[in-house]
Amino acid sequence: MEFSVWLAFFAASWAISLSPGAGAIAAMSSGLNHGFKRGYFTTFGLVLGITTQIIFVGAGLGALIAASSLGFAIVKWLGVAYLVYLGVQQWRAPAKPMVAESDASGMVTRRQLVLRGWAINAVNPKGTVFLLAVVPQFLDLHASLAHQYLVIGATLCFTDLVVMAGYTVLAARVLSALRSERHLKALNRTFGSLFIAAGALLATFKRAA
């Protein structure tokens, strides 16, 4: 991949990462409920989900899912169900300040946070369709595709790690300053509603003709 092409993709990656979506909601939700150090593990999962999508697209599985009505529907509705599930869980979350790292008993584990982030990005056909539509514009079909997909994946992962760190720290440092039960309950319900809204939007997403 030529440097000028990579620069164009690098710029596009920031726009992709900064655009609001289920990933940003998940990052802020984790920052609110678990603080930055623990909540940031959700971002590691989100990045693993992006990596999974890129592997699917690079191996041709993404095109197969996008072309198959049944495969696309299965992936889409799995994503919808998972986002709605997260929304209901967040809505029902107890209105209490985040637990300190030293008193983490009963908290969601780091592994669970990683898996949650991975599922959000991996089971999302919008990501597959986006990669199929956008990434080929930056590929040189006469050069090694594996190397180019590696560069593209590393670039997307880097920008997402930085951007989601911002979303996580915003929630951990700013939103978590609200300590009253009423405020915390309102925040939980706001994030719960956002997850459900993201699921509803994904339910309207249709396979490209």
N, C-alpha and C. Protein backbone atom coordinates (compact mmCIF):
# COMPACT_ATOMS: atom_id res chain seq x y z
N MET A 1 0.85 -1.19 0.00
CA MET A 1 0.00 0.00 0.00
C MET A 1 0.89 1.25 0.00
N GLU A 2 0.65 2.13 -0.98
CA GLU A 2 1.44 3.36 -1.05
C GLU A 2 1.13 4.26 0.14
N PHE A 3 2.13 5.06 0.51
CA PHE A 3 1.98 5.91 1.70
C PHE A 3 0.84 6.90 1.55
N SER A 4 0.67 7.47 0.35
CA SER A 4 -0.41 8.45 0.12
C SER A 4 -1.78 7.79 0.28
N VAL A 5 -1.88 6.53 -0.17
CA VAL A 5 -3.15 5.80 -0.02
C VAL A 5 -3.41 5.51 1.45
N TRP A 6 -2.35 5.11 2.15
CA TRP A 6 -2.49 4.84 3.58
C TRP A 6 -2.91 6.08 4.33
N LEU A 7 -2.35 7.24 3.99
CA LEU A 7 -2.72 8.49 4.66
C LEU A 7 -4.21 8.78 4.47
N ALA A 8 -4.71 8.54 3.27
CA ALA A 8 -6.13 8.77 3.00
C ALA A 8 -6.98 7.83 3.86
N PHE A 9 -6.55 6.57 3.94
CA PHE A 9 -7.29 5.62 4.76
C PHE A 9 -7.17 5.96 6.24
N PHE A 10 -6.01 6.43 6.66
CA PHE A 10 -5.80 6.82 8.06
C PHE A 10 -6.76 7.94 8.45
N ALA A 11 -6.92 8.91 7.56
CA ALA A 11 -7.87 10.00 7.81
C ALA A 11 -9.30 9.48 7.88
N ALA A 12 -9.64 8.56 6.97
CA ALA A 12 -10.99 7.99 6.98
C ALA A 12 -11.22 7.18 8.25
N SER A 13 -10.18 6.54 8.76
CA SER A 13 -10.31 5.70 9.96
C SER A 13 -10.73 6.53 11.18
N TRP A 14 -10.21 7.75 11.26
CA TRP A 14 -10.60 8.62 12.38
C TRP A 14 -12.09 8.96 12.31
N ALA A 15 -12.55 9.25 11.10
CA ALA A 15 -13.98 9.56 10.93
C ALA A 15 -14.83 8.35 11.29
N ILE A 16 -14.35 7.16 10.89
CA ILE A 16 -15.09 5.93 11.18
C ILE A 16 -15.17 5.70 12.69
N SER A 17 -14.04 5.85 13.37
CA SER A 17 -13.99 5.58 14.81
C SER A 17 -14.78 6.62 15.60
N LEU A 18 -14.73 7.88 15.16
CA LEU A 18 -15.40 8.95 15.90
C LEU A 18 -16.91 8.94 15.72
N SER A 19 -17.40 8.32 14.64
CA SER A 19 -18.84 8.33 14.40
C SER A 19 -19.56 7.57 15.52
N PRO A 20 -20.62 8.18 16.07
CA PRO A 20 -21.34 7.53 17.18
C PRO A 20 -21.94 6.20 16.74
N GLY A 21 -21.90 5.24 17.62
CA GLY A 21 -22.47 3.93 17.32
C GLY A 21 -22.48 3.07 18.56
N ALA A 22 -22.78 1.80 18.35
CA ALA A 22 -22.86 0.88 19.49
C ALA A 22 -21.53 0.78 20.23
N GLY A 23 -20.41 0.87 19.51
CA GLY A 23 -19.11 0.80 20.15
C GLY A 23 -18.88 1.96 21.11
N ALA A 24 -19.22 3.16 20.67
CA ALA A 24 -19.06 4.33 21.53
C ALA A 24 -19.96 4.25 22.75
N ILE A 25 -21.19 3.76 22.55
CA ILE A 25 -22.11 3.59 23.68
C ILE A 25 -21.53 2.59 24.67
N ALA A 26 -20.98 1.49 24.16
CA ALA A 26 -20.41 0.46 25.03
C ALA A 26 -19.22 1.00 25.81
N ALA A 27 -18.36 1.78 25.14
CA ALA A 27 -17.19 2.35 25.80
C ALA A 27 -17.60 3.29 26.92
N MET A 28 -18.57 4.16 26.66
CA MET A 28 -19.01 5.11 27.69
C MET A 28 -19.73 4.40 28.83
N SER A 29 -20.53 3.39 28.47
CA SER A 29 -21.23 2.63 29.50
C SER A 29 -20.23 1.94 30.44
N SER A 30 -19.18 1.37 29.86
CA SER A 30 -18.16 0.70 30.67
C SER A 30 -17.39 1.70 31.53
N GLY A 31 -17.10 2.86 30.96
CA GLY A 31 -16.42 3.90 31.74
C GLY A 31 -17.25 4.37 32.91
N LEU A 32 -18.54 4.51 32.68
CA LEU A 32 -19.45 4.95 33.74
C LEU A 32 -19.53 3.93 34.86
N ASN A 33 -19.66 2.66 34.49
CA ASN A 33 -19.92 1.62 35.49
C ASN A 33 -18.68 1.02 36.13
N HIS A 34 -17.54 1.10 35.44
CA HIS A 34 -16.36 0.40 35.93
C HIS A 34 -15.11 1.28 36.05
N GLY A 35 -15.20 2.56 35.65
CA GLY A 35 -14.01 3.39 35.66
C GLY A 35 -13.16 3.13 34.43
N PHE A 36 -12.11 3.95 34.24
CA PHE A 36 -11.33 3.85 33.01
C PHE A 36 -10.51 2.57 32.94
N LYS A 37 -9.76 2.25 34.00
CA LYS A 37 -8.83 1.13 33.94
C LYS A 37 -9.53 -0.19 33.63
N ARG A 38 -10.65 -0.43 34.28
CA ARG A 38 -11.39 -1.67 34.02
C ARG A 38 -12.28 -1.52 32.79
N GLY A 39 -12.93 -0.39 32.65
CA GLY A 39 -13.85 -0.19 31.53
C GLY A 39 -13.18 -0.24 30.18
N TYR A 40 -11.88 0.10 30.13
CA TYR A 40 -11.17 0.13 28.85
C TYR A 40 -11.02 -1.26 28.26
N PHE A 41 -11.22 -2.31 29.06
CA PHE A 41 -11.14 -3.66 28.52
C PHE A 41 -12.25 -3.90 27.50
N THR A 42 -13.34 -3.16 27.59
CA THR A 42 -14.39 -3.26 26.57
C THR A 42 -13.83 -2.86 25.21
N THR A 43 -12.97 -1.84 25.20
CA THR A 43 -12.37 -1.39 23.95
C THR A 43 -11.50 -2.47 23.33
N PHE A 44 -10.76 -3.22 24.17
CA PHE A 44 -9.97 -4.32 23.62
C PHE A 44 -10.88 -5.31 22.90
N GLY A 45 -12.06 -5.55 23.48
CA GLY A 45 -13.03 -6.44 22.83
C GLY A 45 -13.55 -5.85 21.54
N LEU A 46 -13.83 -4.54 21.53
CA LEU A 46 -14.30 -3.88 20.31
C LEU A 46 -13.28 -4.02 19.19
N VAL A 47 -12.00 -3.85 19.55
CA VAL A 47 -10.93 -3.98 18.55
C VAL A 47 -10.82 -5.42 18.04
N LEU A 48 -10.98 -6.38 18.95
CA LEU A 48 -10.98 -7.78 18.51
C LEU A 48 -12.15 -8.05 17.56
N GLY A 49 -13.29 -7.39 17.82
CA GLY A 49 -14.44 -7.53 16.93
C GLY A 49 -14.15 -6.97 15.56
N ILE A 50 -13.46 -5.82 15.49
CA ILE A 50 -13.06 -5.24 14.21
C ILE A 50 -12.12 -6.20 13.48
N THR A 51 -11.18 -6.77 14.23
CA THR A 51 -10.23 -7.72 13.64
C THR A 51 -10.96 -8.92 13.06
N THR A 52 -11.97 -9.41 13.78
CA THR A 52 -12.76 -10.54 13.29
C THR A 52 -13.45 -10.18 11.98
N GLN A 53 -14.02 -8.98 11.92
CA GLN A 53 -14.69 -8.53 10.70
C GLN A 53 -13.72 -8.47 9.53
N ILE A 54 -12.52 -7.94 9.77
CA ILE A 54 -11.52 -7.81 8.71
C ILE A 54 -11.08 -9.19 8.22
N ILE A 55 -10.92 -10.13 9.14
CA ILE A 55 -10.55 -11.50 8.76
C ILE A 55 -11.66 -12.11 7.89
N PHE A 56 -12.92 -11.90 8.29
CA PHE A 56 -14.04 -12.42 7.50
C PHE A 56 -14.02 -11.84 6.08
N VAL A 57 -13.84 -10.52 6.01
CA VAL A 57 -13.85 -9.86 4.70
C VAL A 57 -12.65 -10.30 3.88
N GLY A 58 -11.48 -10.36 4.51
CA GLY A 58 -10.28 -10.76 3.79
C GLY A 58 -10.35 -12.18 3.28
N ALA A 59 -11.01 -13.06 4.03
CA ALA A 59 -11.13 -14.46 3.63
C ALA A 59 -12.30 -14.71 2.68
N GLY A 60 -13.09 -13.66 2.41
CA GLY A 60 -14.23 -13.81 1.52
C GLY A 60 -15.52 -14.19 2.22
N LEU A 61 -15.44 -14.45 3.54
CA LEU A 61 -16.65 -14.83 4.27
C LEU A 61 -17.63 -13.66 4.38
N GLY A 62 -17.07 -12.44 4.45
CA GLY A 62 -17.93 -11.26 4.54
C GLY A 62 -18.81 -11.12 3.31
N ALA A 63 -18.21 -11.35 2.14
CA ALA A 63 -18.99 -11.26 0.89
C ALA A 63 -20.06 -12.34 0.85
N LEU A 64 -19.72 -13.51 1.38
CA LEU A 64 -20.69 -14.61 1.41
C LEU A 64 -21.88 -14.27 2.30
N ILE A 65 -21.59 -13.67 3.49
CA ILE A 65 -22.66 -13.29 4.40
C ILE A 65 -23.53 -12.20 3.78
N ALA A 66 -22.86 -11.22 3.15
CA ALA A 66 -23.60 -10.10 2.55
C ALA A 66 -24.47 -10.57 1.38
N ALA A 67 -24.02 -11.63 0.67
CA ALA A 67 -24.76 -12.10 -0.49
C ALA A 67 -25.88 -13.06 -0.12
N SER A 68 -25.76 -13.71 1.04
CA SER A 68 -26.76 -14.70 1.45
C SER A 68 -27.84 -14.04 2.30
N SER A 69 -29.07 -14.14 1.86
CA SER A 69 -30.18 -13.54 2.62
C SER A 69 -30.28 -14.17 4.00
N LEU A 70 -30.18 -15.49 4.06
CA LEU A 70 -30.30 -16.18 5.34
C LEU A 70 -29.13 -15.85 6.26
N GLY A 71 -27.91 -15.92 5.73
CA GLY A 71 -26.73 -15.63 6.55
C GLY A 71 -26.75 -14.21 7.06
N PHE A 72 -27.11 -13.27 6.20
CA PHE A 72 -27.18 -11.87 6.60
C PHE A 72 -28.22 -11.67 7.69
N ALA A 73 -29.39 -12.30 7.53
CA ALA A 73 -30.47 -12.15 8.51
C ALA A 73 -30.07 -12.74 9.86
N ILE A 74 -29.40 -13.89 9.85
CA ILE A 74 -28.98 -14.51 11.11
C ILE A 74 -28.03 -13.60 11.86
N VAL A 75 -27.01 -13.09 11.16
CA VAL A 75 -26.03 -12.20 11.80
C VAL A 75 -26.70 -10.93 12.29
N LYS A 76 -27.57 -10.37 11.45
CA LYS A 76 -28.23 -9.11 11.82
C LYS A 76 -29.07 -9.28 13.08
N TRP A 77 -29.90 -10.32 13.13
CA TRP A 77 -30.80 -10.47 14.27
C TRP A 77 -30.07 -10.91 15.53
N LEU A 78 -28.93 -11.59 15.38
CA LEU A 78 -28.10 -11.86 16.54
C LEU A 78 -27.57 -10.54 17.12
N GLY A 79 -27.14 -9.66 16.22
CA GLY A 79 -26.66 -8.35 16.66
C GLY A 79 -27.75 -7.53 17.32
N VAL A 80 -28.94 -7.54 16.73
CA VAL A 80 -30.08 -6.80 17.31
C VAL A 80 -30.40 -7.33 18.70
N ALA A 81 -30.50 -8.66 18.82
CA ALA A 81 -30.85 -9.27 20.11
C ALA A 81 -29.81 -8.94 21.18
N TYR A 82 -28.54 -8.95 20.79
CA TYR A 82 -27.49 -8.68 21.78
C TYR A 82 -27.51 -7.23 22.24
N LEU A 83 -27.72 -6.30 21.32
CA LEU A 83 -27.78 -4.88 21.70
C LEU A 83 -28.98 -4.60 22.60
N VAL A 84 -30.13 -5.20 22.27
CA VAL A 84 -31.31 -5.00 23.11
C VAL A 84 -31.09 -5.63 24.49
N TYR A 85 -30.45 -6.78 24.52
CA TYR A 85 -30.12 -7.42 25.81
C TYR A 85 -29.24 -6.50 26.66
N LEU A 86 -28.21 -5.93 26.04
CA LEU A 86 -27.34 -5.01 26.78
C LEU A 86 -28.13 -3.79 27.27
N GLY A 87 -29.05 -3.32 26.44
CA GLY A 87 -29.87 -2.17 26.83
C GLY A 87 -30.73 -2.47 28.04
N VAL A 88 -31.36 -3.63 28.04
CA VAL A 88 -32.21 -4.02 29.18
C VAL A 88 -31.36 -4.17 30.44
N GLN A 89 -30.18 -4.79 30.31
CA GLN A 89 -29.29 -4.95 31.45
C GLN A 89 -28.86 -3.61 32.01
N GLN A 90 -28.52 -2.68 31.12
CA GLN A 90 -28.09 -1.35 31.57
C GLN A 90 -29.25 -0.59 32.21
N TRP A 91 -30.43 -0.71 31.65
CA TRP A 91 -31.61 -0.03 32.18
C TRP A 91 -31.90 -0.50 33.60
N ARG A 92 -31.69 -1.79 33.83
CA ARG A 92 -32.01 -2.38 35.14
C ARG A 92 -30.83 -2.33 36.12
N ALA A 93 -29.70 -1.78 35.69
CA ALA A 93 -28.51 -1.75 36.54
C ALA A 93 -28.78 -0.93 37.80
N PRO A 94 -28.25 -1.35 38.94
CA PRO A 94 -28.47 -0.61 40.19
C PRO A 94 -27.85 0.79 40.13
N ALA A 95 -28.51 1.73 40.74
CA ALA A 95 -28.04 3.13 40.75
C ALA A 95 -27.02 3.30 41.86
N LYS A 96 -25.78 2.92 41.60
CA LYS A 96 -24.73 3.06 42.59
C LYS A 96 -23.44 3.49 41.91
N PRO A 97 -22.60 4.27 42.61
CA PRO A 97 -21.33 4.70 42.02
C PRO A 97 -20.47 3.50 41.67
N MET A 98 -19.57 3.69 40.70
CA MET A 98 -18.73 2.57 40.26
C MET A 98 -17.86 2.08 41.42
N VAL A 99 -17.61 0.78 41.42
CA VAL A 99 -16.84 0.15 42.49
C VAL A 99 -15.36 0.35 42.24
N ALA A 100 -14.61 0.63 43.28
CA ALA A 100 -13.17 0.81 43.15
C ALA A 100 -12.51 -0.51 42.79
N GLU A 101 -11.34 -0.40 42.15
CA GLU A 101 -10.61 -1.60 41.75
C GLU A 101 -10.29 -2.50 42.94
N SER A 102 -10.04 -1.89 44.09
CA SER A 102 -9.66 -2.67 45.27
C SER A 102 -10.85 -3.40 45.89
N ASP A 103 -12.05 -3.05 45.45
CA ASP A 103 -13.25 -3.69 45.98
C ASP A 103 -14.09 -4.18 44.82
N ALA A 104 -13.49 -5.05 44.01
CA ALA A 104 -14.10 -5.44 42.74
C ALA A 104 -14.90 -6.72 42.83
N SER A 105 -15.15 -7.22 44.03
CA SER A 105 -15.91 -8.46 44.16
C SER A 105 -17.33 -8.26 43.63
N GLY A 106 -17.77 -9.20 42.83
CA GLY A 106 -19.11 -9.11 42.28
C GLY A 106 -19.20 -8.29 41.01
N MET A 107 -18.08 -7.68 40.60
CA MET A 107 -18.09 -6.88 39.38
C MET A 107 -18.00 -7.76 38.15
N VAL A 108 -18.35 -7.19 37.02
CA VAL A 108 -18.14 -7.86 35.75
C VAL A 108 -16.63 -8.02 35.56
N THR A 109 -16.18 -9.20 35.15
CA THR A 109 -14.75 -9.45 35.01
C THR A 109 -14.21 -8.77 33.75
N ARG A 110 -12.90 -8.62 33.69
CA ARG A 110 -12.27 -8.04 32.51
C ARG A 110 -12.55 -8.91 31.28
N ARG A 111 -12.51 -10.22 31.48
CA ARG A 111 -12.79 -11.13 30.37
C ARG A 111 -14.20 -10.92 29.83
N GLN A 112 -15.16 -10.74 30.73
CA GLN A 112 -16.54 -10.51 30.30
C GLN A 112 -16.66 -9.20 29.53
N LEU A 113 -15.92 -8.19 29.97
CA LEU A 113 -15.95 -6.91 29.27
C LEU A 113 -15.36 -7.05 27.87
N VAL A 114 -14.27 -7.81 27.75
CA VAL A 114 -13.66 -8.04 26.43
C VAL A 114 -14.64 -8.79 25.52
N LEU A 115 -15.26 -9.83 26.04
CA LEU A 115 -16.21 -10.60 25.25
C LEU A 115 -17.42 -9.76 24.84
N ARG A 116 -17.85 -8.90 25.74
CA ARG A 116 -18.99 -8.02 25.42
C ARG A 116 -18.63 -7.09 24.27
N GLY A 117 -17.45 -6.48 24.34
CA GLY A 117 -17.02 -5.59 23.26
C GLY A 117 -16.84 -6.34 21.95
N TRP A 118 -16.26 -7.54 22.03
CA TRP A 118 -16.06 -8.33 20.81
C TRP A 118 -17.39 -8.64 20.13
N ALA A 119 -18.37 -9.06 20.92
CA ALA A 119 -19.67 -9.44 20.35
C ALA A 119 -20.35 -8.25 19.67
N ILE A 120 -20.20 -7.06 20.25
CA ILE A 120 -20.85 -5.88 19.67
C ILE A 120 -20.35 -5.61 18.26
N ASN A 121 -19.04 -5.71 18.03
CA ASN A 121 -18.49 -5.42 16.71
C ASN A 121 -18.47 -6.62 15.78
N ALA A 122 -18.30 -7.82 16.34
CA ALA A 122 -18.19 -9.00 15.48
C ALA A 122 -19.54 -9.38 14.88
N VAL A 123 -20.61 -9.27 15.67
CA VAL A 123 -21.95 -9.64 15.18
C VAL A 123 -22.67 -8.37 14.73
N ASN A 124 -22.13 -7.75 13.71
CA ASN A 124 -22.71 -6.50 13.21
C ASN A 124 -22.53 -6.47 11.69
N PRO A 125 -23.57 -6.80 10.94
CA PRO A 125 -23.45 -6.84 9.48
C PRO A 125 -23.18 -5.48 8.86
N LYS A 126 -23.49 -4.40 9.59
CA LYS A 126 -23.19 -3.07 9.06
C LYS A 126 -21.68 -2.91 8.89
N GLY A 127 -20.92 -3.47 9.85
CA GLY A 127 -19.47 -3.41 9.74
C GLY A 127 -18.96 -4.20 8.55
N THR A 128 -19.57 -5.36 8.32
CA THR A 128 -19.17 -6.19 7.18
C THR A 128 -19.43 -5.48 5.86
N VAL A 129 -20.63 -4.93 5.73
CA VAL A 129 -21.00 -4.23 4.49
C VAL A 129 -20.12 -3.01 4.30
N PHE A 130 -19.81 -2.29 5.40
CA PHE A 130 -18.95 -1.12 5.30
C PHE A 130 -17.56 -1.51 4.79
N LEU A 131 -17.00 -2.56 5.37
CA LEU A 131 -15.66 -2.98 4.96
C LEU A 131 -15.65 -3.44 3.51
N LEU A 132 -16.73 -4.11 3.09
CA LEU A 132 -16.81 -4.57 1.70
C LEU A 132 -16.94 -3.40 0.73
N ALA A 133 -17.58 -2.32 1.18
CA ALA A 133 -17.81 -1.18 0.30
C ALA A 133 -16.65 -0.20 0.28
N VAL A 134 -16.01 0.00 1.43
CA VAL A 134 -15.00 1.05 1.55
C VAL A 134 -13.58 0.54 1.34
N VAL A 135 -13.24 -0.57 2.00
CA VAL A 135 -11.85 -1.05 1.98
C VAL A 135 -11.33 -1.31 0.56
N PRO A 136 -12.11 -1.93 -0.35
CA PRO A 136 -11.58 -2.19 -1.70
C PRO A 136 -11.09 -0.95 -2.43
N GLN A 137 -11.61 0.23 -2.06
CA GLN A 137 -11.18 1.46 -2.72
C GLN A 137 -9.72 1.80 -2.41
N PHE A 138 -9.19 1.23 -1.33
CA PHE A 138 -7.83 1.51 -0.92
C PHE A 138 -6.87 0.36 -1.23
N LEU A 139 -7.38 -0.68 -1.87
CA LEU A 139 -6.55 -1.85 -2.14
C LEU A 139 -5.90 -1.78 -3.52
N ASP A 140 -4.67 -2.24 -3.60
CA ASP A 140 -3.98 -2.44 -4.87
C ASP A 140 -4.09 -3.93 -5.18
N LEU A 141 -4.92 -4.27 -6.16
CA LEU A 141 -5.19 -5.68 -6.46
C LEU A 141 -3.99 -6.40 -7.06
N HIS A 142 -2.95 -5.64 -7.42
CA HIS A 142 -1.76 -6.26 -8.00
C HIS A 142 -0.68 -6.50 -6.94
N ALA A 143 -0.97 -6.09 -5.71
CA ALA A 143 -0.01 -6.30 -4.61
C ALA A 143 -0.59 -7.32 -3.63
N SER A 144 0.21 -7.67 -2.64
CA SER A 144 -0.22 -8.66 -1.66
C SER A 144 -1.43 -8.15 -0.86
N LEU A 145 -2.56 -8.85 -0.99
CA LEU A 145 -3.77 -8.44 -0.28
C LEU A 145 -3.64 -8.69 1.22
N ALA A 146 -2.97 -9.78 1.58
CA ALA A 146 -2.82 -10.10 3.00
C ALA A 146 -2.08 -8.98 3.72
N HIS A 147 -1.02 -8.48 3.11
CA HIS A 147 -0.25 -7.38 3.73
C HIS A 147 -1.10 -6.13 3.84
N GLN A 148 -1.88 -5.85 2.81
CA GLN A 148 -2.71 -4.63 2.82
C GLN A 148 -3.82 -4.73 3.87
N TYR A 149 -4.43 -5.90 3.98
CA TYR A 149 -5.45 -6.08 5.01
C TYR A 149 -4.85 -5.97 6.41
N LEU A 150 -3.61 -6.41 6.56
CA LEU A 150 -2.92 -6.28 7.84
C LEU A 150 -2.72 -4.81 8.20
N VAL A 151 -2.29 -4.02 7.21
CA VAL A 151 -2.10 -2.57 7.43
C VAL A 151 -3.43 -1.90 7.74
N ILE A 152 -4.46 -2.25 6.98
CA ILE A 152 -5.78 -1.66 7.20
C ILE A 152 -6.32 -2.02 8.58
N GLY A 153 -6.17 -3.29 8.95
CA GLY A 153 -6.63 -3.73 10.27
C GLY A 153 -5.90 -3.02 11.38
N ALA A 154 -4.58 -2.91 11.27
CA ALA A 154 -3.78 -2.24 12.30
C ALA A 154 -4.18 -0.76 12.41
N THR A 155 -4.46 -0.14 11.29
CA THR A 155 -4.84 1.29 11.29
C THR A 155 -6.19 1.48 11.97
N LEU A 156 -7.17 0.66 11.60
CA LEU A 156 -8.49 0.76 12.22
C LEU A 156 -8.43 0.48 13.72
N CYS A 157 -7.63 -0.51 14.10
CA CYS A 157 -7.51 -0.86 15.52
C CYS A 157 -6.86 0.27 16.31
N PHE A 158 -5.84 0.90 15.73
CA PHE A 158 -5.16 2.00 16.41
C PHE A 158 -6.11 3.17 16.66
N THR A 159 -6.82 3.60 15.62
CA THR A 159 -7.71 4.74 15.79
C THR A 159 -8.84 4.42 16.77
N ASP A 160 -9.32 3.18 16.74
CA ASP A 160 -10.40 2.81 17.66
C ASP A 160 -9.89 2.77 19.10
N LEU A 161 -8.68 2.30 19.32
CA LEU A 161 -8.11 2.28 20.67
C LEU A 161 -8.01 3.69 21.23
N VAL A 162 -7.63 4.65 20.39
CA VAL A 162 -7.49 6.04 20.85
C VAL A 162 -8.85 6.68 21.09
N VAL A 163 -9.75 6.53 20.11
CA VAL A 163 -11.05 7.19 20.21
C VAL A 163 -11.88 6.61 21.35
N MET A 164 -11.90 5.29 21.47
CA MET A 164 -12.69 4.68 22.54
C MET A 164 -12.10 4.97 23.92
N ALA A 165 -10.79 5.21 23.99
CA ALA A 165 -10.20 5.66 25.25
C ALA A 165 -10.79 7.00 25.65
N GLY A 166 -10.99 7.88 24.65
CA GLY A 166 -11.61 9.18 24.93
C GLY A 166 -13.03 9.03 25.43
N TYR A 167 -13.81 8.18 24.77
CA TYR A 167 -15.19 7.96 25.21
C TYR A 167 -15.23 7.36 26.63
N THR A 168 -14.32 6.40 26.88
CA THR A 168 -14.31 5.75 28.19
C THR A 168 -13.93 6.71 29.30
N VAL A 169 -12.89 7.50 29.06
CA VAL A 169 -12.44 8.43 30.10
C VAL A 169 -13.46 9.56 30.30
N LEU A 170 -14.17 9.93 29.24
CA LEU A 170 -15.22 10.94 29.37
C LEU A 170 -16.27 10.47 30.37
N ALA A 171 -16.71 9.24 30.19
CA ALA A 171 -17.74 8.71 31.09
C ALA A 171 -17.19 8.48 32.48
N ALA A 172 -15.96 7.97 32.56
CA ALA A 172 -15.37 7.66 33.87
C ALA A 172 -15.09 8.90 34.70
N ARG A 173 -14.61 9.97 34.05
CA ARG A 173 -14.19 11.17 34.78
C ARG A 173 -15.30 12.21 34.91
N VAL A 174 -16.15 12.30 33.91
CA VAL A 174 -17.17 13.35 33.91
C VAL A 174 -18.51 12.81 34.42
N LEU A 175 -19.03 11.77 33.74
CA LEU A 175 -20.35 11.29 34.10
C LEU A 175 -20.36 10.63 35.47
N SER A 176 -19.25 9.97 35.84
CA SER A 176 -19.22 9.30 37.13
C SER A 176 -19.14 10.27 38.30
N ALA A 177 -18.91 11.55 38.00
CA ALA A 177 -18.90 12.56 39.06
C ALA A 177 -20.30 12.77 39.62
N LEU A 178 -21.30 12.33 38.86
CA LEU A 178 -22.68 12.43 39.34
C LEU A 178 -22.93 11.26 40.30
N ARG A 179 -23.12 11.57 41.56
CA ARG A 179 -23.17 10.52 42.58
C ARG A 179 -24.56 10.23 43.12
N SER A 180 -25.52 11.12 42.87
CA SER A 180 -26.83 10.89 43.46
C SER A 180 -27.52 9.71 42.79
N GLU A 181 -28.36 9.02 43.54
CA GLU A 181 -29.06 7.86 43.00
C GLU A 181 -29.92 8.24 41.81
N ARG A 182 -30.53 9.42 41.88
CA ARG A 182 -31.40 9.85 40.79
C ARG A 182 -30.59 10.06 39.50
N HIS A 183 -29.43 10.69 39.61
CA HIS A 183 -28.60 10.93 38.44
C HIS A 183 -28.07 9.63 37.85
N LEU A 184 -27.61 8.73 38.72
CA LEU A 184 -27.06 7.47 38.26
C LEU A 184 -28.12 6.61 37.57
N LYS A 185 -29.32 6.63 38.13
CA LYS A 185 -30.41 5.87 37.52
C LYS A 185 -30.74 6.45 36.15
N ALA A 186 -30.73 7.78 36.05
CA ALA A 186 -31.02 8.43 34.77
C ALA A 186 -29.96 8.09 33.73
N LEU A 187 -28.68 8.06 34.16
CA LEU A 187 -27.60 7.72 33.23
C LEU A 187 -27.72 6.27 32.77
N ASN A 188 -27.99 5.36 33.69
CA ASN A 188 -28.14 3.95 33.32
C ASN A 188 -29.27 3.78 32.31
N ARG A 189 -30.36 4.48 32.54
CA ARG A 189 -31.50 4.35 31.63
C ARG A 189 -31.23 5.02 30.30
N THR A 190 -30.44 6.09 30.33
CA THR A 190 -30.06 6.74 29.08
C THR A 190 -29.22 5.80 28.22
N PHE A 191 -28.19 5.20 28.83
CA PHE A 191 -27.35 4.27 28.08
C PHE A 191 -28.12 3.03 27.67
N GLY A 192 -29.01 2.55 28.53
CA GLY A 192 -29.85 1.42 28.17
C GLY A 192 -30.70 1.73 26.96
N SER A 193 -31.29 2.91 26.96
CA SER A 193 -32.12 3.33 25.82
C SER A 193 -31.29 3.46 24.55
N LEU A 194 -30.05 3.95 24.68
CA LEU A 194 -29.18 4.09 23.51
C LEU A 194 -28.83 2.73 22.92
N PHE A 195 -28.56 1.74 23.78
CA PHE A 195 -28.30 0.39 23.29
C PHE A 195 -29.52 -0.15 22.53
N ILE A 196 -30.69 0.03 23.12
CA ILE A 196 -31.92 -0.46 22.48
C ILE A 196 -32.17 0.26 21.16
N ALA A 197 -31.90 1.58 21.14
CA ALA A 197 -32.06 2.36 19.91
C ALA A 197 -31.09 1.87 18.84
N ALA A 198 -29.85 1.56 19.25
CA ALA A 198 -28.88 1.04 18.29
C ALA A 198 -29.35 -0.30 17.73
N GLY A 199 -29.95 -1.13 18.58
CA GLY A 199 -30.50 -2.40 18.12
C GLY A 199 -31.65 -2.19 17.15
N ALA A 200 -32.51 -1.20 17.45
CA ALA A 200 -33.64 -0.91 16.57
C ALA A 200 -33.16 -0.42 15.20
N LEU A 201 -32.12 0.41 15.22
CA LEU A 201 -31.57 0.89 13.95
C LEU A 201 -30.96 -0.25 13.15
N LEU A 202 -30.28 -1.15 13.83
CA LEU A 202 -29.68 -2.29 13.14
C LEU A 202 -30.78 -3.18 12.55
N ALA A 203 -31.94 -3.25 13.22
CA ALA A 203 -33.04 -4.07 12.72
C ALA A 203 -33.57 -3.53 11.38
N THR A 204 -33.40 -2.24 11.13
CA THR A 204 -33.88 -1.64 9.88
C THR A 204 -32.85 -1.74 8.76
N PHE A 205 -31.63 -2.15 9.11
CA PHE A 205 -30.54 -2.22 8.13
C PHE A 205 -30.81 -3.36 7.15
N LYS A 206 -30.69 -3.08 5.87
CA LYS A 206 -31.01 -4.07 4.85
C LYS A 206 -29.75 -4.43 4.05
N ARG A 207 -29.78 -5.65 3.57
CA ARG A 207 -28.66 -6.13 2.75
C ARG A 207 -28.62 -5.37 1.44
N ALA A 208 -27.41 -4.97 1.05
CA ALA A 208 -27.25 -4.23 -0.21
C ALA A 208 -27.66 -5.11 -1.39
N ALA A 209 -28.28 -4.47 -2.35
CA ALA A 209 -28.75 -5.23 -3.53
C ALA A 209 -27.55 -5.73 -4.34
